[in-house]
Amino acid sequence: MRKVLFACTHNAGRSQMAEAFFNRLAPDDVRAESAGSNPAQAVWPQVAEAMREVGLDLTGRRPQKLIPEMQLHADWAVTLACGAACPFVPTVVEDWDVPDPAGQSLEQVRVIRDQIELRVEDLIEHRLDAIRSDQTAHQHRLTKLLPPLIERFPDTPDAEIRSCADAVLSEYAGASVRSYTLILAERKARERLAAPSGV
């Protein structure tokens, strides 16, 4: 399963709408999550109302803090006009210049909602294959995994360690939750490298 991360400042409007539209419209093998660099207490009321109008209920959604783990495990990322406020995401990143719905009228939020829906549709229609095939996040995880393995197995050729780590990480490519991927992958790679066969 591939992960698309939508990030904005408060995770109370734009990124929540983008996540909801994406998860409704995209195939099941690509899912979205969203977060903010400075999350609000709740989704903006006008945003929740505007999304209810199109059959998406955000009332139970709680804004999330954008943490390094989310960034590490994203296969694609979209920032929503948050500029320098959104931390670096080590994968393909595109920025959508969409107005912040905070404090806007319901009518204005509807316009923002419709802009986001169109952008999500465009993302799915034109970049889904790229999201599925992009290896940036995999390579970033690999660079995190290799140093401790090379240190632990100094007599094993680096190429063999890399091949093992690459294979183990690939086994977790379809995981729906990747929070502990590196921990589990390192453990499995150590077991394989320590085995008599070295695989």
N, C-alpha and C. Protein backbone atom coordinates (compact mmCIF):
# COMPACT_ATOMS: atom_id res chain seq x y z
N MET A 1 0.84 -1.20 0.00
CA MET A 1 0.00 0.00 0.00
C MET A 1 0.88 1.25 0.00
N ARG A 2 0.54 2.20 -0.84
CA ARG A 2 1.25 3.46 -0.92
C ARG A 2 0.56 4.52 -0.06
N LYS A 3 1.36 5.45 0.46
CA LYS A 3 0.83 6.50 1.33
C LYS A 3 1.06 7.87 0.74
N VAL A 4 -0.01 8.67 0.69
CA VAL A 4 0.09 10.06 0.29
C VAL A 4 -0.17 10.91 1.52
N LEU A 5 0.72 11.84 1.79
CA LEU A 5 0.59 12.70 2.97
C LEU A 5 0.20 14.11 2.54
N PHE A 6 -0.91 14.60 3.09
CA PHE A 6 -1.34 15.98 2.87
C PHE A 6 -0.99 16.77 4.13
N ALA A 7 -0.24 17.84 3.96
CA ALA A 7 0.21 18.62 5.11
C ALA A 7 -0.13 20.09 4.94
N CYS A 8 -0.66 20.68 6.01
CA CYS A 8 -0.87 22.13 6.04
C CYS A 8 -0.53 22.61 7.45
N THR A 9 -0.88 23.81 7.79
CA THR A 9 -0.48 24.35 9.08
C THR A 9 -1.29 23.77 10.23
N HIS A 10 -2.62 23.82 10.12
CA HIS A 10 -3.47 23.45 11.26
C HIS A 10 -4.13 22.08 11.16
N ASN A 11 -4.09 21.45 10.00
CA ASN A 11 -4.76 20.17 9.77
C ASN A 11 -6.23 20.23 10.22
N ALA A 12 -6.83 21.38 9.98
CA ALA A 12 -8.23 21.57 10.37
C ALA A 12 -9.10 21.95 9.18
N GLY A 13 -8.48 22.02 8.01
CA GLY A 13 -9.25 22.45 6.84
C GLY A 13 -8.78 21.80 5.56
N ARG A 14 -7.80 22.44 4.91
CA ARG A 14 -7.36 21.99 3.58
C ARG A 14 -6.86 20.56 3.54
N SER A 15 -5.94 20.22 4.42
CA SER A 15 -5.38 18.86 4.37
C SER A 15 -6.41 17.81 4.76
N GLN A 16 -7.32 18.16 5.67
CA GLN A 16 -8.39 17.23 6.03
C GLN A 16 -9.32 16.98 4.84
N MET A 17 -9.66 18.04 4.11
CA MET A 17 -10.51 17.89 2.94
C MET A 17 -9.82 17.06 1.87
N ALA A 18 -8.53 17.33 1.64
CA ALA A 18 -7.78 16.59 0.62
C ALA A 18 -7.70 15.12 0.97
N GLU A 19 -7.43 14.81 2.23
CA GLU A 19 -7.37 13.41 2.67
C GLU A 19 -8.70 12.71 2.44
N ALA A 20 -9.79 13.37 2.82
CA ALA A 20 -11.11 12.76 2.68
C ALA A 20 -11.47 12.51 1.22
N PHE A 21 -11.22 13.49 0.37
CA PHE A 21 -11.50 13.31 -1.06
C PHE A 21 -10.63 12.21 -1.66
N PHE A 22 -9.35 12.21 -1.30
CA PHE A 22 -8.44 11.22 -1.86
C PHE A 22 -8.88 9.81 -1.48
N ASN A 23 -9.18 9.60 -0.21
CA ASN A 23 -9.55 8.26 0.25
C ASN A 23 -10.89 7.81 -0.31
N ARG A 24 -11.73 8.75 -0.70
CA ARG A 24 -12.99 8.37 -1.34
C ARG A 24 -12.78 8.03 -2.81
N LEU A 25 -11.87 8.73 -3.48
CA LEU A 25 -11.74 8.61 -4.93
C LEU A 25 -10.63 7.67 -5.39
N ALA A 26 -9.61 7.48 -4.60
CA ALA A 26 -8.45 6.69 -5.03
C ALA A 26 -8.68 5.19 -4.85
N PRO A 27 -7.95 4.37 -5.61
CA PRO A 27 -8.01 2.92 -5.42
C PRO A 27 -7.52 2.54 -4.04
N ASP A 28 -7.90 1.35 -3.59
CA ASP A 28 -7.60 0.92 -2.23
C ASP A 28 -6.11 0.71 -1.96
N ASP A 29 -5.29 0.58 -3.00
CA ASP A 29 -3.87 0.33 -2.76
C ASP A 29 -3.09 1.61 -2.53
N VAL A 30 -3.75 2.76 -2.59
CA VAL A 30 -3.11 4.04 -2.30
C VAL A 30 -4.01 4.79 -1.33
N ARG A 31 -3.51 5.06 -0.14
CA ARG A 31 -4.30 5.73 0.89
C ARG A 31 -3.64 7.04 1.30
N ALA A 32 -4.45 7.93 1.85
CA ALA A 32 -3.95 9.23 2.28
C ALA A 32 -4.06 9.40 3.78
N GLU A 33 -3.18 10.23 4.32
CA GLU A 33 -3.31 10.71 5.69
C GLU A 33 -2.93 12.17 5.67
N SER A 34 -3.29 12.87 6.74
CA SER A 34 -3.00 14.31 6.78
C SER A 34 -2.52 14.71 8.16
N ALA A 35 -1.82 15.84 8.20
CA ALA A 35 -1.30 16.35 9.47
C ALA A 35 -0.94 17.82 9.29
N GLY A 36 -0.67 18.47 10.41
CA GLY A 36 -0.32 19.88 10.37
C GLY A 36 0.86 20.20 11.26
N SER A 37 1.61 21.23 10.90
CA SER A 37 2.77 21.62 11.70
C SER A 37 2.36 22.25 13.03
N ASN A 38 1.17 22.83 13.06
CA ASN A 38 0.65 23.44 14.29
C ASN A 38 -0.84 23.12 14.38
N PRO A 39 -1.20 21.87 14.72
CA PRO A 39 -2.59 21.44 14.62
C PRO A 39 -3.54 22.20 15.54
N ALA A 40 -4.74 22.42 15.02
CA ALA A 40 -5.81 23.07 15.79
C ALA A 40 -6.45 22.05 16.72
N GLN A 41 -7.39 22.50 17.50
CA GLN A 41 -8.09 21.60 18.43
C GLN A 41 -9.11 20.73 17.72
N ALA A 42 -9.68 21.26 16.63
CA ALA A 42 -10.72 20.52 15.92
C ALA A 42 -10.79 21.02 14.49
N VAL A 43 -11.45 20.24 13.64
CA VAL A 43 -11.70 20.67 12.26
C VAL A 43 -12.57 21.92 12.30
N TRP A 44 -12.25 22.92 11.44
CA TRP A 44 -13.04 24.14 11.42
C TRP A 44 -14.51 23.81 11.14
N PRO A 45 -15.45 24.40 11.89
CA PRO A 45 -16.88 24.09 11.71
C PRO A 45 -17.38 24.29 10.28
N GLN A 46 -16.93 25.37 9.62
CA GLN A 46 -17.38 25.62 8.24
C GLN A 46 -16.87 24.54 7.30
N VAL A 47 -15.69 24.02 7.58
CA VAL A 47 -15.12 22.95 6.77
C VAL A 47 -15.94 21.68 6.95
N ALA A 48 -16.25 21.35 8.19
CA ALA A 48 -17.06 20.16 8.46
C ALA A 48 -18.42 20.27 7.77
N GLU A 49 -19.03 21.46 7.82
CA GLU A 49 -20.33 21.66 7.18
C GLU A 49 -20.23 21.53 5.66
N ALA A 50 -19.23 22.16 5.07
CA ALA A 50 -19.06 22.10 3.62
C ALA A 50 -18.81 20.67 3.15
N MET A 51 -18.07 19.90 3.92
CA MET A 51 -17.80 18.52 3.54
C MET A 51 -19.03 17.63 3.74
N ARG A 52 -19.84 17.91 4.74
CA ARG A 52 -21.09 17.16 4.92
C ARG A 52 -21.98 17.31 3.69
N GLU A 53 -21.93 18.48 3.09
CA GLU A 53 -22.75 18.74 1.90
C GLU A 53 -22.40 17.83 0.73
N VAL A 54 -21.19 17.31 0.72
CA VAL A 54 -20.78 16.41 -0.37
C VAL A 54 -20.62 14.97 0.13
N GLY A 55 -21.22 14.69 1.28
CA GLY A 55 -21.27 13.32 1.78
C GLY A 55 -20.04 12.83 2.51
N LEU A 56 -19.23 13.73 3.01
CA LEU A 56 -18.04 13.35 3.77
C LEU A 56 -18.10 13.98 5.16
N ASP A 57 -18.10 13.15 6.17
CA ASP A 57 -18.26 13.61 7.55
C ASP A 57 -16.89 13.72 8.23
N LEU A 58 -16.50 14.93 8.57
CA LEU A 58 -15.21 15.16 9.25
C LEU A 58 -15.38 15.50 10.73
N THR A 59 -16.61 15.42 11.23
CA THR A 59 -16.85 15.87 12.60
C THR A 59 -16.07 15.07 13.64
N GLY A 60 -15.79 13.81 13.36
CA GLY A 60 -15.05 12.99 14.32
C GLY A 60 -13.55 13.04 14.13
N ARG A 61 -13.09 13.78 13.14
CA ARG A 61 -11.66 13.85 12.85
C ARG A 61 -10.95 14.82 13.79
N ARG A 62 -9.81 14.40 14.30
CA ARG A 62 -9.03 15.26 15.18
C ARG A 62 -7.73 15.63 14.46
N PRO A 63 -7.41 16.92 14.37
CA PRO A 63 -6.17 17.33 13.73
C PRO A 63 -4.95 16.65 14.36
N GLN A 64 -4.02 16.25 13.51
CA GLN A 64 -2.82 15.54 13.94
C GLN A 64 -1.57 16.40 13.76
N LYS A 65 -0.61 16.16 14.62
CA LYS A 65 0.68 16.82 14.52
C LYS A 65 1.52 16.11 13.45
N LEU A 66 2.14 16.89 12.58
CA LEU A 66 3.03 16.33 11.57
C LEU A 66 4.34 15.94 12.25
N ILE A 67 4.59 14.65 12.35
CA ILE A 67 5.78 14.15 13.03
C ILE A 67 6.75 13.54 12.01
N PRO A 68 8.03 13.44 12.36
CA PRO A 68 9.02 12.89 11.43
C PRO A 68 8.66 11.51 10.89
N GLU A 69 8.04 10.67 11.73
CA GLU A 69 7.66 9.33 11.32
C GLU A 69 6.73 9.35 10.10
N MET A 70 5.76 10.28 10.13
CA MET A 70 4.83 10.40 9.00
C MET A 70 5.57 10.79 7.73
N GLN A 71 6.52 11.70 7.88
CA GLN A 71 7.27 12.16 6.73
C GLN A 71 8.13 11.03 6.17
N LEU A 72 8.76 10.27 7.05
CA LEU A 72 9.63 9.19 6.63
C LEU A 72 8.88 8.13 5.84
N HIS A 73 7.64 7.89 6.22
CA HIS A 73 6.89 6.78 5.62
C HIS A 73 5.93 7.20 4.52
N ALA A 74 6.00 8.47 4.11
CA ALA A 74 5.15 8.92 3.00
C ALA A 74 5.81 8.59 1.67
N ASP A 75 5.01 8.13 0.72
CA ASP A 75 5.52 7.84 -0.62
C ASP A 75 5.35 9.05 -1.55
N TRP A 76 4.49 9.97 -1.15
CA TRP A 76 4.22 11.18 -1.93
C TRP A 76 3.68 12.19 -0.94
N ALA A 77 3.95 13.44 -1.14
CA ALA A 77 3.44 14.44 -0.20
C ALA A 77 2.92 15.66 -0.94
N VAL A 78 1.88 16.25 -0.37
CA VAL A 78 1.31 17.49 -0.89
C VAL A 78 1.24 18.47 0.26
N THR A 79 1.90 19.62 0.11
CA THR A 79 1.75 20.68 1.09
C THR A 79 0.75 21.68 0.54
N LEU A 80 -0.05 22.22 1.41
CA LEU A 80 -1.12 23.12 0.99
C LEU A 80 -0.83 24.54 1.44
N ALA A 81 0.01 25.22 0.65
CA ALA A 81 0.33 26.63 0.85
C ALA A 81 0.78 26.95 2.27
N CYS A 82 1.53 26.03 2.87
CA CYS A 82 2.00 26.31 4.24
C CYS A 82 3.43 26.83 4.24
N GLY A 83 4.08 26.85 3.08
CA GLY A 83 5.41 27.42 2.98
C GLY A 83 6.40 26.82 3.96
N ALA A 84 7.17 27.69 4.60
CA ALA A 84 8.22 27.23 5.50
C ALA A 84 7.67 26.57 6.76
N ALA A 85 6.38 26.74 7.04
CA ALA A 85 5.79 26.16 8.24
C ALA A 85 5.70 24.64 8.17
N CYS A 86 5.67 24.08 6.96
CA CYS A 86 5.59 22.64 6.81
C CYS A 86 6.99 22.05 6.74
N PRO A 87 7.30 21.09 7.62
CA PRO A 87 8.64 20.50 7.62
C PRO A 87 8.95 19.74 6.34
N PHE A 88 10.22 19.45 6.16
CA PHE A 88 10.70 18.73 4.99
C PHE A 88 10.12 17.32 4.98
N VAL A 89 9.68 16.89 3.81
CA VAL A 89 9.20 15.53 3.62
C VAL A 89 10.14 14.86 2.63
N PRO A 90 10.82 13.77 3.02
CA PRO A 90 11.85 13.19 2.17
C PRO A 90 11.31 12.32 1.05
N THR A 91 10.45 12.87 0.24
CA THR A 91 9.92 12.16 -0.92
C THR A 91 9.48 13.20 -1.93
N VAL A 92 8.77 12.78 -2.96
CA VAL A 92 8.26 13.74 -3.93
C VAL A 92 7.26 14.66 -3.24
N VAL A 93 7.43 15.95 -3.41
CA VAL A 93 6.54 16.92 -2.76
C VAL A 93 6.01 17.90 -3.81
N GLU A 94 4.72 18.11 -3.78
CA GLU A 94 4.14 19.17 -4.60
C GLU A 94 3.36 20.10 -3.68
N ASP A 95 3.33 21.37 -4.04
CA ASP A 95 2.65 22.36 -3.21
C ASP A 95 1.43 22.90 -3.94
N TRP A 96 0.31 22.90 -3.25
CA TRP A 96 -0.93 23.43 -3.81
C TRP A 96 -1.21 24.78 -3.17
N ASP A 97 -1.30 25.79 -3.97
CA ASP A 97 -1.57 27.14 -3.48
C ASP A 97 -3.08 27.31 -3.31
N VAL A 98 -3.58 26.87 -2.17
CA VAL A 98 -5.01 26.90 -1.87
C VAL A 98 -5.23 27.78 -0.65
N PRO A 99 -6.20 28.69 -0.67
CA PRO A 99 -6.45 29.58 0.48
C PRO A 99 -6.80 28.80 1.74
N ASP A 100 -6.45 29.36 2.88
CA ASP A 100 -6.78 28.77 4.17
C ASP A 100 -8.25 29.04 4.48
N PRO A 101 -9.05 28.02 4.77
CA PRO A 101 -10.46 28.24 5.08
C PRO A 101 -10.74 28.76 6.49
N ALA A 102 -9.71 28.85 7.31
CA ALA A 102 -9.90 29.33 8.69
C ALA A 102 -10.53 30.71 8.69
N GLY A 103 -11.64 30.85 9.40
CA GLY A 103 -12.31 32.13 9.53
C GLY A 103 -13.10 32.57 8.31
N GLN A 104 -13.18 31.74 7.29
CA GLN A 104 -13.91 32.08 6.08
C GLN A 104 -15.39 31.73 6.22
N SER A 105 -16.20 32.35 5.41
CA SER A 105 -17.63 32.04 5.40
C SER A 105 -17.85 30.68 4.76
N LEU A 106 -19.02 30.10 4.98
CA LEU A 106 -19.35 28.80 4.39
C LEU A 106 -19.29 28.87 2.87
N GLU A 107 -19.74 29.96 2.31
CA GLU A 107 -19.70 30.12 0.86
C GLU A 107 -18.27 30.10 0.34
N GLN A 108 -17.36 30.78 1.03
CA GLN A 108 -15.95 30.79 0.63
C GLN A 108 -15.30 29.42 0.80
N VAL A 109 -15.70 28.73 1.88
CA VAL A 109 -15.15 27.39 2.13
C VAL A 109 -15.61 26.42 1.05
N ARG A 110 -16.82 26.59 0.55
CA ARG A 110 -17.30 25.73 -0.55
C ARG A 110 -16.40 25.88 -1.78
N VAL A 111 -15.99 27.10 -2.07
CA VAL A 111 -15.12 27.34 -3.21
C VAL A 111 -13.77 26.64 -3.00
N ILE A 112 -13.22 26.76 -1.79
CA ILE A 112 -11.95 26.10 -1.45
C ILE A 112 -12.11 24.59 -1.54
N ARG A 113 -13.21 24.09 -1.00
CA ARG A 113 -13.49 22.64 -1.06
C ARG A 113 -13.49 22.14 -2.50
N ASP A 114 -14.16 22.86 -3.37
CA ASP A 114 -14.25 22.44 -4.77
C ASP A 114 -12.89 22.51 -5.47
N GLN A 115 -12.07 23.51 -5.11
CA GLN A 115 -10.71 23.59 -5.66
C GLN A 115 -9.90 22.35 -5.26
N ILE A 116 -10.01 22.00 -3.99
CA ILE A 116 -9.25 20.85 -3.49
C ILE A 116 -9.73 19.57 -4.14
N GLU A 117 -11.03 19.41 -4.31
CA GLU A 117 -11.54 18.20 -4.96
C GLU A 117 -11.00 18.08 -6.38
N LEU A 118 -10.98 19.17 -7.12
CA LEU A 118 -10.45 19.15 -8.49
C LEU A 118 -8.96 18.78 -8.50
N ARG A 119 -8.21 19.31 -7.54
CA ARG A 119 -6.77 19.01 -7.48
C ARG A 119 -6.54 17.54 -7.11
N VAL A 120 -7.36 17.02 -6.21
CA VAL A 120 -7.24 15.61 -5.84
C VAL A 120 -7.57 14.72 -7.04
N GLU A 121 -8.62 15.07 -7.76
CA GLU A 121 -8.98 14.31 -8.97
C GLU A 121 -7.84 14.32 -9.98
N ASP A 122 -7.20 15.49 -10.13
CA ASP A 122 -6.07 15.60 -11.06
C ASP A 122 -4.89 14.76 -10.59
N LEU A 123 -4.62 14.77 -9.29
CA LEU A 123 -3.54 13.97 -8.72
C LEU A 123 -3.76 12.49 -9.01
N ILE A 124 -4.97 12.02 -8.78
CA ILE A 124 -5.28 10.61 -9.00
C ILE A 124 -5.23 10.26 -10.49
N GLU A 125 -5.76 11.13 -11.31
CA GLU A 125 -5.82 10.84 -12.74
C GLU A 125 -4.45 10.86 -13.42
N HIS A 126 -3.58 11.80 -13.01
CA HIS A 126 -2.33 12.00 -13.74
C HIS A 126 -1.06 11.53 -13.03
N ARG A 127 -1.11 11.28 -11.72
CA ARG A 127 0.14 10.94 -11.02
C ARG A 127 0.06 9.67 -10.19
N LEU A 128 -1.01 8.93 -10.34
CA LEU A 128 -1.17 7.71 -9.56
C LEU A 128 -0.08 6.68 -9.89
N ASP A 129 0.24 6.53 -11.16
CA ASP A 129 1.30 5.58 -11.53
C ASP A 129 2.65 6.01 -10.95
N ALA A 130 2.90 7.32 -10.94
CA ALA A 130 4.15 7.82 -10.37
C ALA A 130 4.20 7.57 -8.86
N ILE A 131 3.07 7.74 -8.19
CA ILE A 131 3.00 7.47 -6.75
C ILE A 131 3.28 6.01 -6.49
N ARG A 132 2.71 5.14 -7.29
CA ARG A 132 2.90 3.70 -7.10
C ARG A 132 4.34 3.26 -7.36
N SER A 133 5.01 3.93 -8.28
CA SER A 133 6.35 3.48 -8.68
C SER A 133 7.49 4.25 -8.03
N ASP A 134 7.20 5.37 -7.38
CA ASP A 134 8.28 6.19 -6.82
C ASP A 134 9.03 5.43 -5.72
N GLN A 135 10.35 5.50 -5.78
CA GLN A 135 11.20 4.78 -4.82
C GLN A 135 11.88 5.70 -3.81
N THR A 136 11.53 6.99 -3.81
CA THR A 136 12.21 7.94 -2.94
C THR A 136 12.11 7.56 -1.47
N ALA A 137 10.90 7.26 -1.01
CA ALA A 137 10.72 6.90 0.40
C ALA A 137 11.45 5.61 0.73
N HIS A 138 11.40 4.64 -0.18
CA HIS A 138 12.11 3.38 0.03
C HIS A 138 13.60 3.62 0.18
N GLN A 139 14.17 4.43 -0.69
CA GLN A 139 15.60 4.73 -0.63
C GLN A 139 15.97 5.46 0.65
N HIS A 140 15.08 6.35 1.10
CA HIS A 140 15.35 7.08 2.34
C HIS A 140 15.35 6.12 3.53
N ARG A 141 14.40 5.20 3.57
CA ARG A 141 14.37 4.21 4.65
C ARG A 141 15.61 3.32 4.60
N LEU A 142 16.04 3.02 3.37
CA LEU A 142 17.22 2.18 3.20
C LEU A 142 18.46 2.85 3.79
N THR A 143 18.60 4.16 3.57
CA THR A 143 19.77 4.87 4.12
C THR A 143 19.74 4.91 5.65
N LYS A 144 18.54 4.84 6.23
CA LYS A 144 18.43 4.79 7.69
C LYS A 144 18.78 3.40 8.22
N LEU A 145 18.45 2.40 7.44
CA LEU A 145 18.60 1.02 7.88
C LEU A 145 20.04 0.50 7.73
N LEU A 146 20.75 0.94 6.69
CA LEU A 146 22.06 0.37 6.38
C LEU A 146 23.15 0.60 7.43
N PRO A 147 23.35 1.83 7.96
CA PRO A 147 24.48 2.04 8.89
C PRO A 147 24.52 1.10 10.09
N PRO A 148 23.39 0.88 10.82
CA PRO A 148 23.50 -0.04 11.96
C PRO A 148 23.77 -1.49 11.54
N LEU A 149 23.31 -1.88 10.36
CA LEU A 149 23.58 -3.24 9.90
C LEU A 149 25.04 -3.41 9.50
N ILE A 150 25.59 -2.40 8.82
CA ILE A 150 27.00 -2.46 8.42
C ILE A 150 27.90 -2.48 9.66
N GLU A 151 27.51 -1.73 10.68
CA GLU A 151 28.29 -1.70 11.92
C GLU A 151 28.22 -3.04 12.64
N ARG A 152 27.06 -3.67 12.61
CA ARG A 152 26.87 -4.94 13.33
C ARG A 152 27.53 -6.11 12.60
N PHE A 153 27.61 -6.02 11.28
CA PHE A 153 28.17 -7.12 10.49
C PHE A 153 29.37 -6.63 9.67
N PRO A 154 30.48 -6.29 10.34
CA PRO A 154 31.63 -5.69 9.65
C PRO A 154 32.30 -6.64 8.65
N ASP A 155 32.14 -7.95 8.83
CA ASP A 155 32.79 -8.91 7.94
C ASP A 155 31.93 -9.28 6.73
N THR A 156 30.71 -8.77 6.70
CA THR A 156 29.81 -9.06 5.58
C THR A 156 29.94 -7.96 4.54
N PRO A 157 30.09 -8.32 3.28
CA PRO A 157 30.21 -7.29 2.23
C PRO A 157 29.02 -6.33 2.23
N ASP A 158 29.30 -5.05 2.03
CA ASP A 158 28.25 -4.03 2.03
C ASP A 158 27.16 -4.34 1.02
N ALA A 159 27.56 -4.87 -0.12
CA ALA A 159 26.59 -5.18 -1.17
C ALA A 159 25.59 -6.25 -0.70
N GLU A 160 26.09 -7.21 0.05
CA GLU A 160 25.22 -8.27 0.58
C GLU A 160 24.26 -7.69 1.62
N ILE A 161 24.77 -6.81 2.47
CA ILE A 161 23.92 -6.18 3.48
C ILE A 161 22.84 -5.33 2.81
N ARG A 162 23.25 -4.57 1.81
CA ARG A 162 22.29 -3.73 1.10
C ARG A 162 21.21 -4.58 0.43
N SER A 163 21.61 -5.66 -0.19
CA SER A 163 20.65 -6.54 -0.87
C SER A 163 19.65 -7.12 0.12
N CYS A 164 20.15 -7.53 1.26
CA CYS A 164 19.28 -8.09 2.31
C CYS A 164 18.32 -7.02 2.83
N ALA A 165 18.85 -5.84 3.14
CA ALA A 165 18.02 -4.75 3.66
C ALA A 165 16.96 -4.32 2.65
N ASP A 166 17.35 -4.26 1.40
CA ASP A 166 16.43 -3.88 0.34
C ASP A 166 15.29 -4.88 0.23
N ALA A 167 15.62 -6.16 0.29
CA ALA A 167 14.60 -7.21 0.20
C ALA A 167 13.65 -7.18 1.39
N VAL A 168 14.22 -6.97 2.57
CA VAL A 168 13.38 -6.94 3.78
C VAL A 168 12.44 -5.73 3.74
N LEU A 169 12.96 -4.56 3.38
CA LEU A 169 12.10 -3.38 3.29
C LEU A 169 10.98 -3.56 2.27
N SER A 170 11.28 -4.23 1.17
CA SER A 170 10.28 -4.46 0.14
C SER A 170 9.12 -5.30 0.67
N GLU A 171 9.40 -6.16 1.63
CA GLU A 171 8.35 -6.99 2.21
C GLU A 171 7.33 -6.15 2.98
N TYR A 172 7.75 -4.97 3.42
CA TYR A 172 6.86 -4.09 4.17
C TYR A 172 6.22 -3.01 3.30
N ALA A 173 6.44 -3.06 2.00
CA ALA A 173 5.93 -2.03 1.10
C ALA A 173 4.41 -1.94 1.12
N GLY A 174 3.75 -3.07 1.36
CA GLY A 174 2.29 -3.08 1.36
C GLY A 174 1.67 -2.86 2.72
N ALA A 175 2.48 -2.61 3.73
CA ALA A 175 1.94 -2.44 5.08
C ALA A 175 1.07 -1.19 5.15
N SER A 176 -0.09 -1.32 5.79
CA SER A 176 -0.98 -0.17 5.93
C SER A 176 -0.50 0.79 7.01
N VAL A 177 0.17 0.25 8.02
CA VAL A 177 0.75 1.08 9.09
C VAL A 177 2.26 0.84 9.09
N ARG A 178 3.04 1.91 8.93
CA ARG A 178 4.48 1.75 8.80
C ARG A 178 5.27 2.30 9.97
N SER A 179 4.60 2.58 11.07
CA SER A 179 5.25 3.23 12.20
C SER A 179 6.50 2.49 12.67
N TYR A 180 6.44 1.17 12.67
CA TYR A 180 7.56 0.39 13.21
C TYR A 180 8.31 -0.37 12.11
N THR A 181 8.15 0.07 10.87
CA THR A 181 8.77 -0.63 9.76
C THR A 181 10.27 -0.77 9.93
N LEU A 182 10.95 0.32 10.27
CA LEU A 182 12.41 0.27 10.38
C LEU A 182 12.86 -0.65 11.51
N ILE A 183 12.16 -0.61 12.63
CA ILE A 183 12.51 -1.48 13.75
C ILE A 183 12.36 -2.94 13.35
N LEU A 184 11.21 -3.26 12.76
CA LEU A 184 10.96 -4.64 12.35
C LEU A 184 11.90 -5.08 11.24
N ALA A 185 12.14 -4.17 10.29
CA ALA A 185 13.02 -4.50 9.17
C ALA A 185 14.45 -4.75 9.64
N GLU A 186 14.92 -3.92 10.57
CA GLU A 186 16.28 -4.12 11.08
C GLU A 186 16.39 -5.46 11.81
N ARG A 187 15.38 -5.78 12.60
CA ARG A 187 15.39 -7.05 13.32
C ARG A 187 15.43 -8.24 12.35
N LYS A 188 14.59 -8.17 11.32
CA LYS A 188 14.53 -9.27 10.36
C LYS A 188 15.83 -9.36 9.56
N ALA A 189 16.39 -8.21 9.18
CA ALA A 189 17.64 -8.22 8.42
C ALA A 189 18.78 -8.78 9.26
N ARG A 190 18.80 -8.44 10.54
CA ARG A 190 19.85 -9.00 11.44
C ARG A 190 19.74 -10.51 11.50
N GLU A 191 18.50 -11.00 11.62
CA GLU A 191 18.31 -12.45 11.70
C GLU A 191 18.81 -13.13 10.44
N ARG A 192 18.49 -12.54 9.29
CA ARG A 192 18.91 -13.15 8.01
C ARG A 192 20.42 -13.11 7.83
N LEU A 193 21.01 -11.97 8.19
CA LEU A 193 22.45 -11.82 8.01
C LEU A 193 23.24 -12.70 8.99
N ALA A 194 22.64 -12.97 10.16
CA ALA A 194 23.30 -13.79 11.16
C ALA A 194 23.13 -15.29 10.88
N ALA A 195 22.18 -15.65 10.03
CA ALA A 195 21.94 -17.04 9.69
C ALA A 195 23.14 -17.62 8.94
N PRO A 196 23.38 -18.90 9.08
CA PRO A 196 24.54 -19.53 8.43
C PRO A 196 24.59 -19.28 6.92
N SER A 197 23.43 -19.24 6.28
CA SER A 197 23.40 -19.04 4.83
C SER A 197 23.67 -17.60 4.45
N GLY A 198 23.49 -16.65 5.44
CA GLY A 198 23.69 -15.23 5.17
C GLY A 198 22.54 -14.60 4.42
N VAL A 199 21.39 -15.30 4.38
CA VAL A 199 20.23 -14.75 3.67
C VAL A 199 19.04 -14.69 4.60
